[in-house]
Amino acid sequence: MSRSLQRIVLLTILVMAVPAVGSSFENTTHVWTFDDDPPGTLPAEFQVGTLFDGRPAGEWKVLDTDRAQSPPRVLAQLLGKGAEHAYKTVLLDGIKASDLDLQVSFLPIEGKADMGGGLIWRATDDRNYYLTRANPLEQNIRVYRVVKGVRHLIQNFDQTIDVKHWHRLRVVHRGCQIEVFYDESRVFNLCDKTFTQGTVGLWTKSDAITYFDDLQLQILK
């Protein structure tokens, strides 16, 4: 399937899945394209985490850009500085899931200490969650459990990550079974029982500036 055809198929799915204005999280599938959110704001259902010193965990804003995966807007993490263990997080408020199918498109923009970003799920708060992230500087994809703000590596997968193009991360979690896909290819299939349910979100680290688009959550349980 050509890239242009893949994009048409994705946009068709997204349009069909977007919940109506005023709908609740009781629906099975939710999609955030960010195209109807005012630039310079954070969508109302998202909440920025905090760093250990109490500062907001990043500068998360809706951004107008001609580089959007599905124009015209993205959700961007724009704070291009931070310590090695400064985890920039934004979580969905008021939604919890145990078994889920979660995916997002991301575009690495800048970063000298770190680049790229990832997905958070089964998060009890901004200190405890599962994380999968893709890092173009390290050329790898990893799955972590984050406990009390400390990352614990579960598995690593070496992968060439082109910084000039959008990529897609997807997590399917049922029971203890975790599958992670990168650009439609499965890179992890593992079991972990640390967290049983929680909310979902997005993640970057240190000085990484990253654009996110077309976040999709299907609640399986």
N, C-alpha and C. Protein backbone atom coordinates (compact mmCIF):
# COMPACT_ATOMS: atom_id res chain seq x y z
N MET A 1 0.85 -1.19 0.00
CA MET A 1 0.00 0.00 0.00
C MET A 1 0.89 1.24 0.00
N SER A 2 0.62 2.20 -0.92
CA SER A 2 1.42 3.41 -0.99
C SER A 2 1.20 4.29 0.23
N ARG A 3 2.17 5.20 0.49
CA ARG A 3 2.06 6.09 1.65
C ARG A 3 0.82 6.97 1.56
N SER A 4 0.52 7.47 0.34
CA SER A 4 -0.64 8.34 0.18
C SER A 4 -1.94 7.59 0.46
N LEU A 5 -2.00 6.31 0.01
CA LEU A 5 -3.20 5.52 0.25
C LEU A 5 -3.33 5.19 1.73
N GLN A 6 -2.20 4.89 2.40
CA GLN A 6 -2.23 4.63 3.84
C GLN A 6 -2.78 5.83 4.59
N ARG A 7 -2.37 7.03 4.16
CA ARG A 7 -2.83 8.25 4.84
C ARG A 7 -4.34 8.44 4.66
N ILE A 8 -4.83 8.15 3.44
CA ILE A 8 -6.27 8.28 3.19
C ILE A 8 -7.05 7.32 4.07
N VAL A 9 -6.56 6.07 4.17
CA VAL A 9 -7.24 5.08 5.00
C VAL A 9 -7.24 5.53 6.46
N LEU A 10 -6.08 6.02 6.96
CA LEU A 10 -5.99 6.48 8.36
C LEU A 10 -6.94 7.62 8.62
N LEU A 11 -6.98 8.60 7.72
CA LEU A 11 -7.86 9.75 7.93
C LEU A 11 -9.32 9.33 7.92
N THR A 12 -9.67 8.35 7.06
CA THR A 12 -11.04 7.86 7.03
C THR A 12 -11.42 7.21 8.35
N ILE A 13 -10.51 6.40 8.90
CA ILE A 13 -10.76 5.77 10.20
C ILE A 13 -10.92 6.81 11.29
N LEU A 14 -10.05 7.82 11.27
CA LEU A 14 -10.09 8.85 12.31
C LEU A 14 -11.39 9.63 12.26
N VAL A 15 -11.83 10.00 11.06
CA VAL A 15 -13.07 10.76 10.94
C VAL A 15 -14.24 9.95 11.45
N MET A 16 -14.26 8.65 11.15
CA MET A 16 -15.35 7.81 11.60
C MET A 16 -15.33 7.59 13.10
N ALA A 17 -14.12 7.66 13.72
CA ALA A 17 -14.00 7.30 15.13
C ALA A 17 -14.10 8.48 16.07
N VAL A 18 -13.95 9.72 15.57
CA VAL A 18 -13.97 10.87 16.47
C VAL A 18 -15.31 10.97 17.18
N PRO A 19 -15.31 11.05 18.54
CA PRO A 19 -16.57 11.14 19.25
C PRO A 19 -17.22 12.49 19.06
N ALA A 20 -18.53 12.53 19.12
CA ALA A 20 -19.25 13.78 18.96
C ALA A 20 -18.96 14.71 20.12
N VAL A 21 -19.07 16.02 19.87
CA VAL A 21 -18.87 17.00 20.91
C VAL A 21 -19.83 16.75 22.05
N GLY A 22 -19.28 16.74 23.28
CA GLY A 22 -20.13 16.51 24.44
C GLY A 22 -20.27 15.06 24.81
N SER A 23 -19.67 14.14 24.01
CA SER A 23 -19.77 12.73 24.34
C SER A 23 -18.88 12.41 25.52
N SER A 24 -19.19 11.34 26.22
CA SER A 24 -18.43 10.95 27.41
C SER A 24 -17.42 9.89 27.04
N PHE A 25 -16.57 9.53 28.03
CA PHE A 25 -15.57 8.50 27.81
C PHE A 25 -16.17 7.11 27.89
N GLU A 26 -17.51 7.01 27.93
CA GLU A 26 -18.14 5.70 27.97
C GLU A 26 -18.09 5.01 26.60
N ASN A 27 -17.82 5.78 25.53
CA ASN A 27 -17.67 5.17 24.22
C ASN A 27 -16.42 4.30 24.21
N THR A 28 -16.37 3.37 23.28
CA THR A 28 -15.25 2.43 23.22
C THR A 28 -14.00 3.06 22.63
N THR A 29 -14.15 3.85 21.57
CA THR A 29 -13.00 4.40 20.85
C THR A 29 -13.02 5.92 20.90
N HIS A 30 -11.84 6.50 21.14
CA HIS A 30 -11.69 7.95 21.22
C HIS A 30 -10.50 8.36 20.37
N VAL A 31 -10.65 9.45 19.63
CA VAL A 31 -9.59 9.94 18.75
C VAL A 31 -9.41 11.44 18.98
N TRP A 32 -8.15 11.86 19.05
CA TRP A 32 -7.82 13.26 19.20
C TRP A 32 -6.92 13.67 18.04
N THR A 33 -7.49 14.45 17.11
CA THR A 33 -6.71 14.96 15.98
C THR A 33 -6.12 16.33 16.29
N PHE A 34 -6.66 17.02 17.32
CA PHE A 34 -6.22 18.34 17.78
C PHE A 34 -6.55 19.45 16.78
N ASP A 35 -7.24 19.12 15.69
CA ASP A 35 -7.50 20.11 14.65
C ASP A 35 -8.56 21.14 15.04
N ASP A 36 -9.42 20.81 15.99
CA ASP A 36 -10.46 21.75 16.42
C ASP A 36 -10.10 22.48 17.71
N ASP A 37 -8.91 22.21 18.25
CA ASP A 37 -8.47 22.89 19.47
C ASP A 37 -7.72 24.18 19.11
N PRO A 38 -7.96 25.27 19.85
CA PRO A 38 -7.31 26.54 19.53
C PRO A 38 -5.79 26.44 19.67
N PRO A 39 -5.05 26.97 18.72
CA PRO A 39 -3.59 26.98 18.83
C PRO A 39 -3.13 27.70 20.09
N GLY A 40 -2.06 27.20 20.70
CA GLY A 40 -1.51 27.82 21.90
C GLY A 40 -2.16 27.37 23.18
N THR A 41 -3.13 26.44 23.09
CA THR A 41 -3.82 25.94 24.28
C THR A 41 -3.55 24.45 24.45
N LEU A 42 -3.90 23.95 25.62
CA LEU A 42 -3.88 22.52 25.89
C LEU A 42 -5.32 22.05 25.90
N PRO A 43 -5.65 20.99 25.15
CA PRO A 43 -7.03 20.49 25.17
C PRO A 43 -7.51 20.25 26.59
N ALA A 44 -8.78 20.56 26.85
CA ALA A 44 -9.32 20.58 28.21
C ALA A 44 -9.18 19.25 28.93
N GLU A 45 -9.22 18.13 28.19
CA GLU A 45 -9.19 16.82 28.84
C GLU A 45 -7.77 16.34 29.14
N PHE A 46 -6.76 17.14 28.80
CA PHE A 46 -5.37 16.77 29.07
C PHE A 46 -4.83 17.55 30.27
N GLN A 47 -3.92 16.91 31.01
CA GLN A 47 -3.32 17.54 32.17
C GLN A 47 -1.81 17.31 32.15
N VAL A 48 -1.04 18.39 32.22
CA VAL A 48 0.41 18.30 32.23
C VAL A 48 0.89 17.80 33.59
N GLY A 49 1.84 16.87 33.58
CA GLY A 49 2.41 16.37 34.82
C GLY A 49 3.35 17.40 35.45
N THR A 50 4.03 16.98 36.50
CA THR A 50 4.98 17.87 37.18
C THR A 50 6.34 17.19 37.27
N LEU A 51 7.39 17.99 37.23
CA LEU A 51 8.74 17.50 37.47
C LEU A 51 8.96 17.37 38.97
N PHE A 52 10.10 16.80 39.36
CA PHE A 52 10.35 16.58 40.78
C PHE A 52 10.44 17.88 41.57
N ASP A 53 10.81 18.98 40.91
CA ASP A 53 10.89 20.26 41.61
C ASP A 53 9.58 21.03 41.58
N GLY A 54 8.53 20.41 41.05
CA GLY A 54 7.21 21.03 41.06
C GLY A 54 6.86 21.81 39.82
N ARG A 55 7.82 22.03 38.93
CA ARG A 55 7.52 22.76 37.69
C ARG A 55 6.71 21.89 36.74
N PRO A 56 5.95 22.52 35.82
CA PRO A 56 5.21 21.74 34.83
C PRO A 56 6.14 20.87 34.01
N ALA A 57 5.70 19.67 33.69
CA ALA A 57 6.53 18.71 32.96
C ALA A 57 6.43 18.95 31.46
N GLY A 58 6.95 20.09 31.04
CA GLY A 58 6.97 20.42 29.63
C GLY A 58 6.04 21.55 29.26
N GLU A 59 6.19 22.00 28.04
CA GLU A 59 5.35 23.06 27.47
C GLU A 59 4.52 22.42 26.36
N TRP A 60 3.37 21.90 26.73
CA TRP A 60 2.50 21.18 25.81
C TRP A 60 1.44 22.12 25.25
N LYS A 61 1.41 22.27 23.92
CA LYS A 61 0.47 23.18 23.29
C LYS A 61 0.02 22.65 21.94
N VAL A 62 -1.22 22.98 21.57
CA VAL A 62 -1.68 22.74 20.20
C VAL A 62 -0.98 23.75 19.30
N LEU A 63 -0.51 23.25 18.15
CA LEU A 63 0.31 24.08 17.27
C LEU A 63 -0.18 23.96 15.83
N ASP A 64 -0.35 25.11 15.17
CA ASP A 64 -0.61 25.13 13.73
C ASP A 64 0.72 24.88 13.01
N THR A 65 0.75 23.90 12.11
CA THR A 65 1.99 23.64 11.39
C THR A 65 1.70 22.94 10.07
N ASP A 66 2.47 23.28 9.04
CA ASP A 66 2.31 22.59 7.76
C ASP A 66 2.97 21.22 7.78
N ARG A 67 3.54 20.86 8.93
CA ARG A 67 4.17 19.54 9.06
C ARG A 67 3.26 18.53 9.78
N ALA A 68 2.00 18.93 10.02
CA ALA A 68 1.07 18.03 10.71
C ALA A 68 0.86 16.76 9.89
N GLN A 69 0.67 15.65 10.60
CA GLN A 69 0.35 14.39 9.94
C GLN A 69 -1.01 14.47 9.27
N SER A 70 -2.00 15.01 10.01
CA SER A 70 -3.31 15.30 9.45
C SER A 70 -3.57 16.78 9.73
N PRO A 71 -3.34 17.65 8.75
CA PRO A 71 -3.41 19.10 8.95
C PRO A 71 -4.76 19.54 9.50
N PRO A 72 -4.76 20.70 10.23
CA PRO A 72 -3.65 21.65 10.28
C PRO A 72 -2.87 21.66 11.59
N ARG A 73 -3.24 20.86 12.61
CA ARG A 73 -2.65 21.05 13.94
C ARG A 73 -2.13 19.77 14.55
N VAL A 74 -1.22 19.96 15.51
CA VAL A 74 -0.65 18.86 16.28
C VAL A 74 -0.65 19.26 17.75
N LEU A 75 -0.38 18.30 18.62
CA LEU A 75 -0.07 18.61 20.01
C LEU A 75 1.44 18.50 20.14
N ALA A 76 2.09 19.58 20.56
CA ALA A 76 3.55 19.65 20.57
C ALA A 76 4.08 19.83 21.98
N GLN A 77 5.22 19.19 22.24
CA GLN A 77 6.00 19.47 23.44
C GLN A 77 7.14 20.37 23.00
N LEU A 78 7.13 21.64 23.46
CA LEU A 78 7.99 22.67 22.89
C LEU A 78 9.12 23.13 23.79
N LEU A 79 9.20 22.62 25.02
CA LEU A 79 10.27 23.04 25.93
C LEU A 79 11.55 22.28 25.58
N GLY A 80 12.49 22.99 24.97
CA GLY A 80 13.70 22.36 24.45
C GLY A 80 14.87 22.38 25.41
N LYS A 81 14.59 22.19 26.67
CA LYS A 81 15.67 22.07 27.65
C LYS A 81 15.16 21.22 28.81
N GLY A 82 16.10 20.65 29.55
CA GLY A 82 15.71 19.81 30.67
C GLY A 82 16.83 18.86 31.05
N ALA A 83 16.83 18.45 32.29
CA ALA A 83 17.84 17.53 32.78
C ALA A 83 17.65 16.15 32.17
N GLU A 84 18.63 15.28 32.38
CA GLU A 84 18.61 13.93 31.82
C GLU A 84 17.35 13.18 32.19
N HIS A 85 16.89 13.33 33.43
CA HIS A 85 15.73 12.59 33.90
C HIS A 85 14.49 13.47 34.04
N ALA A 86 14.43 14.53 33.24
CA ALA A 86 13.24 15.37 33.21
C ALA A 86 12.25 14.76 32.23
N TYR A 87 11.26 14.05 32.77
CA TYR A 87 10.27 13.39 31.93
C TYR A 87 9.11 14.33 31.68
N LYS A 88 8.88 14.69 30.42
CA LYS A 88 7.81 15.61 30.03
C LYS A 88 6.56 14.78 29.76
N THR A 89 5.55 14.93 30.59
CA THR A 89 4.36 14.08 30.49
C THR A 89 3.09 14.91 30.39
N VAL A 90 2.13 14.37 29.66
CA VAL A 90 0.77 14.91 29.65
C VAL A 90 -0.17 13.71 29.67
N LEU A 91 -1.16 13.76 30.58
CA LEU A 91 -2.07 12.64 30.79
C LEU A 91 -3.50 13.05 30.51
N LEU A 92 -4.31 12.09 30.08
CA LEU A 92 -5.73 12.32 29.92
C LEU A 92 -6.41 12.28 31.27
N ASP A 93 -7.22 13.28 31.55
CA ASP A 93 -7.91 13.38 32.83
C ASP A 93 -9.29 12.76 32.72
N GLY A 94 -9.66 11.93 33.71
CA GLY A 94 -11.02 11.39 33.76
C GLY A 94 -11.25 10.15 32.94
N ILE A 95 -10.21 9.45 32.56
CA ILE A 95 -10.38 8.22 31.80
C ILE A 95 -9.45 7.16 32.34
N LYS A 96 -9.96 5.93 32.51
CA LYS A 96 -9.14 4.81 32.97
C LYS A 96 -9.43 3.60 32.10
N ALA A 97 -8.41 2.81 31.90
CA ALA A 97 -8.55 1.59 31.11
C ALA A 97 -7.55 0.56 31.61
N SER A 98 -7.91 -0.70 31.47
CA SER A 98 -6.98 -1.78 31.77
C SER A 98 -6.49 -2.38 30.45
N ASP A 99 -7.37 -3.07 29.73
CA ASP A 99 -7.01 -3.58 28.42
C ASP A 99 -7.33 -2.52 27.36
N LEU A 100 -6.38 -2.30 26.46
CA LEU A 100 -6.55 -1.19 25.52
C LEU A 100 -5.74 -1.40 24.26
N ASP A 101 -6.08 -0.59 23.26
CA ASP A 101 -5.33 -0.46 22.01
C ASP A 101 -5.07 1.04 21.85
N LEU A 102 -3.82 1.45 22.04
CA LEU A 102 -3.45 2.87 22.10
C LEU A 102 -2.40 3.15 21.04
N GLN A 103 -2.60 4.23 20.27
CA GLN A 103 -1.62 4.56 19.24
C GLN A 103 -1.55 6.05 18.98
N VAL A 104 -0.40 6.48 18.46
CA VAL A 104 -0.19 7.89 18.14
C VAL A 104 0.88 8.01 17.07
N SER A 105 0.78 9.06 16.27
CA SER A 105 1.85 9.42 15.33
C SER A 105 2.74 10.46 15.99
N PHE A 106 4.06 10.37 15.74
CA PHE A 106 4.98 11.35 16.32
C PHE A 106 6.03 11.75 15.29
N LEU A 107 6.49 12.99 15.40
CA LEU A 107 7.53 13.51 14.52
C LEU A 107 8.63 14.13 15.39
N PRO A 108 9.85 13.57 15.38
CA PRO A 108 10.95 14.19 16.13
C PRO A 108 11.33 15.51 15.46
N ILE A 109 11.44 16.57 16.25
CA ILE A 109 11.77 17.89 15.71
C ILE A 109 13.19 18.31 16.08
N GLU A 110 13.50 18.34 17.36
CA GLU A 110 14.83 18.75 17.81
C GLU A 110 15.21 17.97 19.07
N GLY A 111 16.50 18.06 19.40
CA GLY A 111 17.00 17.47 20.63
C GLY A 111 18.44 17.04 20.49
N LYS A 112 19.28 17.47 21.41
CA LYS A 112 20.69 17.08 21.40
C LYS A 112 20.97 15.99 22.45
N ALA A 113 20.28 16.06 23.58
CA ALA A 113 20.44 15.04 24.62
C ALA A 113 19.44 13.91 24.42
N ASP A 114 18.27 14.25 23.86
CA ASP A 114 17.22 13.26 23.66
C ASP A 114 16.34 13.69 22.50
N MET A 115 15.68 12.73 21.86
CA MET A 115 14.75 13.03 20.78
C MET A 115 13.60 12.03 20.82
N GLY A 116 12.57 12.36 20.05
CA GLY A 116 11.44 11.43 19.92
C GLY A 116 10.49 11.53 21.09
N GLY A 117 9.77 10.44 21.33
CA GLY A 117 8.77 10.45 22.39
C GLY A 117 8.05 9.13 22.43
N GLY A 118 6.97 9.10 23.24
CA GLY A 118 6.30 7.82 23.40
C GLY A 118 4.92 7.90 24.01
N LEU A 119 4.40 6.72 24.31
CA LEU A 119 3.06 6.54 24.87
C LEU A 119 3.15 6.09 26.33
N ILE A 120 2.25 6.62 27.14
CA ILE A 120 2.06 6.22 28.53
C ILE A 120 0.71 5.51 28.63
N TRP A 121 0.66 4.44 29.44
CA TRP A 121 -0.64 3.79 29.68
C TRP A 121 -0.64 3.10 31.04
N ARG A 122 -1.86 2.77 31.49
CA ARG A 122 -2.08 2.22 32.84
C ARG A 122 -1.38 3.09 33.90
N ALA A 123 -1.49 4.38 33.74
CA ALA A 123 -0.83 5.32 34.65
C ALA A 123 -1.72 5.61 35.86
N THR A 124 -1.21 5.39 37.05
CA THR A 124 -1.94 5.80 38.25
C THR A 124 -1.74 7.29 38.51
N ASP A 125 -0.60 7.82 38.07
CA ASP A 125 -0.29 9.25 38.13
C ASP A 125 0.92 9.50 37.25
N ASP A 126 1.51 10.71 37.34
CA ASP A 126 2.64 11.02 36.48
C ASP A 126 3.97 10.49 37.00
N ARG A 127 3.92 9.59 37.98
CA ARG A 127 5.13 8.95 38.52
C ARG A 127 5.10 7.43 38.35
N ASN A 128 3.93 6.88 37.98
CA ASN A 128 3.77 5.43 37.92
C ASN A 128 2.98 5.05 36.67
N TYR A 129 3.65 4.35 35.74
CA TYR A 129 3.00 4.03 34.47
C TYR A 129 3.88 3.11 33.63
N TYR A 130 3.27 2.54 32.59
CA TYR A 130 4.03 1.88 31.53
C TYR A 130 4.39 2.92 30.48
N LEU A 131 5.52 2.69 29.82
CA LEU A 131 5.99 3.61 28.80
C LEU A 131 6.65 2.84 27.66
N THR A 132 6.30 3.18 26.42
CA THR A 132 7.12 2.78 25.29
C THR A 132 7.51 4.04 24.54
N ARG A 133 8.76 4.09 24.16
CA ARG A 133 9.24 5.30 23.48
C ARG A 133 10.23 4.93 22.38
N ALA A 134 10.32 5.82 21.37
CA ALA A 134 11.26 5.65 20.26
C ALA A 134 12.22 6.83 20.27
N ASN A 135 13.53 6.55 20.21
CA ASN A 135 14.55 7.59 20.32
C ASN A 135 15.47 7.55 19.09
N PRO A 136 15.38 8.56 18.20
CA PRO A 136 16.22 8.58 17.01
C PRO A 136 17.72 8.75 17.32
N LEU A 137 18.08 9.38 18.44
CA LEU A 137 19.48 9.54 18.77
C LEU A 137 20.11 8.20 19.15
N GLU A 138 19.37 7.38 19.86
CA GLU A 138 19.86 6.06 20.25
C GLU A 138 19.52 4.99 19.21
N GLN A 139 18.61 5.34 18.28
CA GLN A 139 18.15 4.41 17.26
C GLN A 139 17.62 3.12 17.89
N ASN A 140 16.67 3.31 18.83
CA ASN A 140 16.05 2.15 19.45
C ASN A 140 14.66 2.48 19.95
N ILE A 141 13.92 1.42 20.24
CA ILE A 141 12.60 1.50 20.85
C ILE A 141 12.67 0.71 22.14
N ARG A 142 12.06 1.23 23.20
CA ARG A 142 12.13 0.56 24.49
C ARG A 142 10.77 0.54 25.17
N VAL A 143 10.60 -0.44 26.04
CA VAL A 143 9.45 -0.51 26.94
C VAL A 143 9.97 -0.44 28.37
N TYR A 144 9.33 0.43 29.17
CA TYR A 144 9.71 0.62 30.56
C TYR A 144 8.49 0.46 31.46
N ARG A 145 8.76 0.16 32.72
CA ARG A 145 7.83 0.47 33.79
C ARG A 145 8.45 1.62 34.57
N VAL A 146 7.65 2.63 34.86
CA VAL A 146 8.12 3.77 35.65
C VAL A 146 7.45 3.68 37.01
N VAL A 147 8.24 3.54 38.06
CA VAL A 147 7.73 3.35 39.42
C VAL A 147 8.33 4.44 40.31
N LYS A 148 7.45 5.25 40.88
CA LYS A 148 7.86 6.37 41.74
C LYS A 148 8.85 7.28 41.01
N GLY A 149 8.59 7.48 39.72
CA GLY A 149 9.39 8.39 38.91
C GLY A 149 10.69 7.82 38.38
N VAL A 150 10.96 6.55 38.64
CA VAL A 150 12.20 5.91 38.21
C VAL A 150 11.90 4.90 37.11
N ARG A 151 12.60 5.00 35.98
CA ARG A 151 12.39 4.08 34.87
C ARG A 151 13.11 2.76 35.11
N HIS A 152 12.42 1.68 34.76
CA HIS A 152 13.01 0.35 34.82
C HIS A 152 12.82 -0.28 33.44
N LEU A 153 13.91 -0.55 32.75
CA LEU A 153 13.84 -1.09 31.40
C LEU A 153 13.29 -2.52 31.42
N ILE A 154 12.30 -2.76 30.56
CA ILE A 154 11.76 -4.11 30.40
C ILE A 154 12.39 -4.78 29.18
N GLN A 155 12.34 -4.10 28.02
CA GLN A 155 12.98 -4.65 26.83
C GLN A 155 13.45 -3.53 25.91
N ASN A 156 14.46 -3.84 25.09
CA ASN A 156 15.01 -2.92 24.10
C ASN A 156 14.94 -3.55 22.72
N PHE A 157 14.75 -2.69 21.69
CA PHE A 157 14.76 -3.15 20.30
C PHE A 157 15.48 -2.10 19.48
N ASP A 158 16.58 -2.47 18.82
CA ASP A 158 17.32 -1.54 17.98
C ASP A 158 16.57 -1.33 16.67
N GLN A 159 16.39 -0.05 16.30
CA GLN A 159 15.56 0.28 15.14
C GLN A 159 16.04 1.59 14.52
N THR A 160 16.24 1.60 13.20
CA THR A 160 16.56 2.84 12.50
C THR A 160 15.32 3.74 12.49
N ILE A 161 15.47 4.97 12.99
CA ILE A 161 14.35 5.91 13.11
C ILE A 161 14.70 7.18 12.35
N ASP A 162 14.02 7.43 11.26
CA ASP A 162 14.27 8.58 10.39
C ASP A 162 13.62 9.82 11.01
N VAL A 163 14.43 10.86 11.24
CA VAL A 163 13.89 12.08 11.87
C VAL A 163 13.15 12.96 10.88
N LYS A 164 13.14 12.62 9.60
CA LYS A 164 12.50 13.45 8.59
C LYS A 164 11.03 13.08 8.36
N HIS A 165 10.59 12.00 8.99
CA HIS A 165 9.26 11.50 8.70
C HIS A 165 8.47 11.22 9.98
N TRP A 166 7.15 11.22 9.83
CA TRP A 166 6.27 10.80 10.90
C TRP A 166 6.38 9.28 11.09
N HIS A 167 6.24 8.86 12.34
CA HIS A 167 6.22 7.44 12.68
C HIS A 167 5.02 7.18 13.58
N ARG A 168 4.66 5.90 13.72
CA ARG A 168 3.50 5.56 14.54
C ARG A 168 3.88 4.50 15.56
N LEU A 169 3.53 4.78 16.82
CA LEU A 169 3.69 3.83 17.91
C LEU A 169 2.31 3.33 18.32
N ARG A 170 2.23 2.02 18.58
CA ARG A 170 0.96 1.43 18.98
C ARG A 170 1.21 0.40 20.08
N VAL A 171 0.35 0.41 21.09
CA VAL A 171 0.41 -0.57 22.18
C VAL A 171 -0.93 -1.28 22.26
N VAL A 172 -0.88 -2.60 22.33
CA VAL A 172 -2.07 -3.40 22.62
C VAL A 172 -1.77 -4.18 23.90
N HIS A 173 -2.55 -3.92 24.95
CA HIS A 173 -2.30 -4.53 26.26
C HIS A 173 -3.57 -5.26 26.70
N ARG A 174 -3.45 -6.59 26.86
CA ARG A 174 -4.55 -7.43 27.35
C ARG A 174 -4.03 -8.26 28.51
N GLY A 175 -4.64 -8.10 29.69
CA GLY A 175 -4.14 -8.83 30.85
C GLY A 175 -2.72 -8.40 31.14
N CYS A 176 -1.79 -9.36 31.14
CA CYS A 176 -0.37 -9.01 31.33
C CYS A 176 0.35 -8.89 29.99
N GLN A 177 -0.33 -9.25 28.89
CA GLN A 177 0.34 -9.33 27.60
C GLN A 177 0.43 -7.96 26.93
N ILE A 178 1.66 -7.55 26.61
CA ILE A 178 1.92 -6.25 26.00
C ILE A 178 2.52 -6.45 24.61
N GLU A 179 1.86 -5.92 23.58
CA GLU A 179 2.41 -5.90 22.23
C GLU A 179 2.65 -4.45 21.84
N VAL A 180 3.84 -4.17 21.30
CA VAL A 180 4.18 -2.83 20.84
C VAL A 180 4.52 -2.91 19.36
N PHE A 181 3.94 -1.97 18.59
CA PHE A 181 4.16 -1.91 17.15
C PHE A 181 4.80 -0.58 16.79
N TYR A 182 5.74 -0.63 15.87
CA TYR A 182 6.37 0.58 15.34
C TYR A 182 6.17 0.59 13.83
N ASP A 183 5.48 1.60 13.33
CA ASP A 183 5.16 1.67 11.89
C ASP A 183 4.60 0.34 11.38
N GLU A 184 3.64 -0.20 12.13
CA GLU A 184 2.87 -1.40 11.79
C GLU A 184 3.62 -2.71 12.02
N SER A 185 4.91 -2.66 12.37
CA SER A 185 5.65 -3.89 12.63
C SER A 185 5.74 -4.14 14.13
N ARG A 186 5.45 -5.37 14.56
CA ARG A 186 5.52 -5.68 15.99
C ARG A 186 6.97 -5.81 16.42
N VAL A 187 7.30 -5.07 17.48
CA VAL A 187 8.68 -5.09 17.98
C VAL A 187 8.78 -5.71 19.37
N PHE A 188 7.67 -5.77 20.12
CA PHE A 188 7.67 -6.39 21.44
C PHE A 188 6.42 -7.24 21.62
N ASN A 189 6.60 -8.36 22.32
CA ASN A 189 5.50 -9.20 22.76
C ASN A 189 5.93 -9.79 24.10
N LEU A 190 5.43 -9.27 25.20
CA LEU A 190 5.93 -9.62 26.52
C LEU A 190 4.82 -9.58 27.55
N CYS A 191 5.14 -10.02 28.76
CA CYS A 191 4.18 -10.03 29.86
C CYS A 191 4.75 -9.27 31.04
N ASP A 192 3.94 -8.38 31.62
CA ASP A 192 4.33 -7.68 32.84
C ASP A 192 3.07 -7.41 33.66
N LYS A 193 3.17 -7.58 34.99
CA LYS A 193 2.00 -7.49 35.85
C LYS A 193 2.08 -6.33 36.85
N THR A 194 2.94 -5.34 36.58
CA THR A 194 3.15 -4.26 37.55
C THR A 194 1.90 -3.40 37.74
N PHE A 195 1.31 -2.94 36.64
CA PHE A 195 0.15 -2.06 36.70
C PHE A 195 -1.06 -2.75 36.07
N THR A 196 -2.23 -2.55 36.66
CA THR A 196 -3.44 -3.23 36.18
C THR A 196 -4.39 -2.30 35.43
N GLN A 197 -4.42 -1.01 35.78
CA GLN A 197 -5.26 -0.07 35.06
C GLN A 197 -4.80 1.36 35.34
N GLY A 198 -5.31 2.28 34.56
CA GLY A 198 -4.97 3.68 34.75
C GLY A 198 -5.26 4.47 33.51
N THR A 199 -4.79 5.69 33.48
CA THR A 199 -5.04 6.57 32.35
C THR A 199 -3.92 6.43 31.32
N VAL A 200 -4.01 7.22 30.25
CA VAL A 200 -3.02 7.17 29.17
C VAL A 200 -2.47 8.58 28.94
N GLY A 201 -1.38 8.65 28.19
CA GLY A 201 -0.79 9.97 27.93
C GLY A 201 0.36 9.89 26.95
N LEU A 202 1.08 11.02 26.86
CA LEU A 202 2.22 11.17 25.96
C LEU A 202 3.45 11.55 26.75
N TRP A 203 4.63 11.33 26.17
CA TRP A 203 5.89 11.44 26.92
C TRP A 203 7.03 11.90 26.02
N THR A 204 7.85 12.81 26.54
CA THR A 204 9.17 13.08 25.97
C THR A 204 10.14 13.22 27.14
N LYS A 205 11.41 13.45 26.82
CA LYS A 205 12.41 13.53 27.88
C LYS A 205 13.46 14.58 27.57
N SER A 206 13.98 15.18 28.63
CA SER A 206 15.12 16.09 28.54
C SER A 206 14.81 17.26 27.59
N ASP A 207 15.60 17.42 26.51
CA ASP A 207 15.43 18.58 25.62
C ASP A 207 14.70 18.25 24.34
N ALA A 208 14.03 17.10 24.29
CA ALA A 208 13.36 16.68 23.05
C ALA A 208 12.14 17.56 22.76
N ILE A 209 12.09 18.07 21.55
CA ILE A 209 10.90 18.75 21.03
C ILE A 209 10.25 17.81 20.03
N THR A 210 8.97 17.51 20.25
CA THR A 210 8.30 16.47 19.47
C THR A 210 6.87 16.89 19.17
N TYR A 211 6.42 16.57 17.95
CA TYR A 211 5.02 16.77 17.57
C TYR A 211 4.29 15.43 17.65
N PHE A 212 3.04 15.49 18.14
CA PHE A 212 2.17 14.31 18.20
C PHE A 212 0.88 14.61 17.45
N ASP A 213 0.34 13.59 16.78
CA ASP A 213 -0.90 13.78 16.02
C ASP A 213 -1.70 12.47 16.02
N ASP A 214 -3.00 12.62 15.87
CA ASP A 214 -3.91 11.48 15.68
C ASP A 214 -3.75 10.42 16.78
N LEU A 215 -3.90 10.87 18.02
CA LEU A 215 -3.90 9.96 19.18
C LEU A 215 -5.21 9.19 19.19
N GLN A 216 -5.13 7.88 19.31
CA GLN A 216 -6.33 7.04 19.27
C GLN A 216 -6.29 6.03 20.40
N LEU A 217 -7.39 5.93 21.14
CA LEU A 217 -7.53 4.98 22.23
C LEU A 217 -8.78 4.14 22.03
N GLN A 218 -8.59 2.84 22.00
CA GLN A 218 -9.73 1.91 22.02
C GLN A 218 -9.67 1.14 23.33
N ILE A 219 -10.71 1.30 24.13
CA ILE A 219 -10.77 0.60 25.42
C ILE A 219 -11.33 -0.81 25.18
N LEU A 220 -10.53 -1.81 25.51
CA LEU A 220 -10.92 -3.21 25.32
C LEU A 220 -11.55 -3.78 26.58
N LYS A 221 -11.18 -3.17 27.75
CA LYS A 221 -11.73 -3.62 29.03
C LYS A 221 -11.53 -2.55 30.07
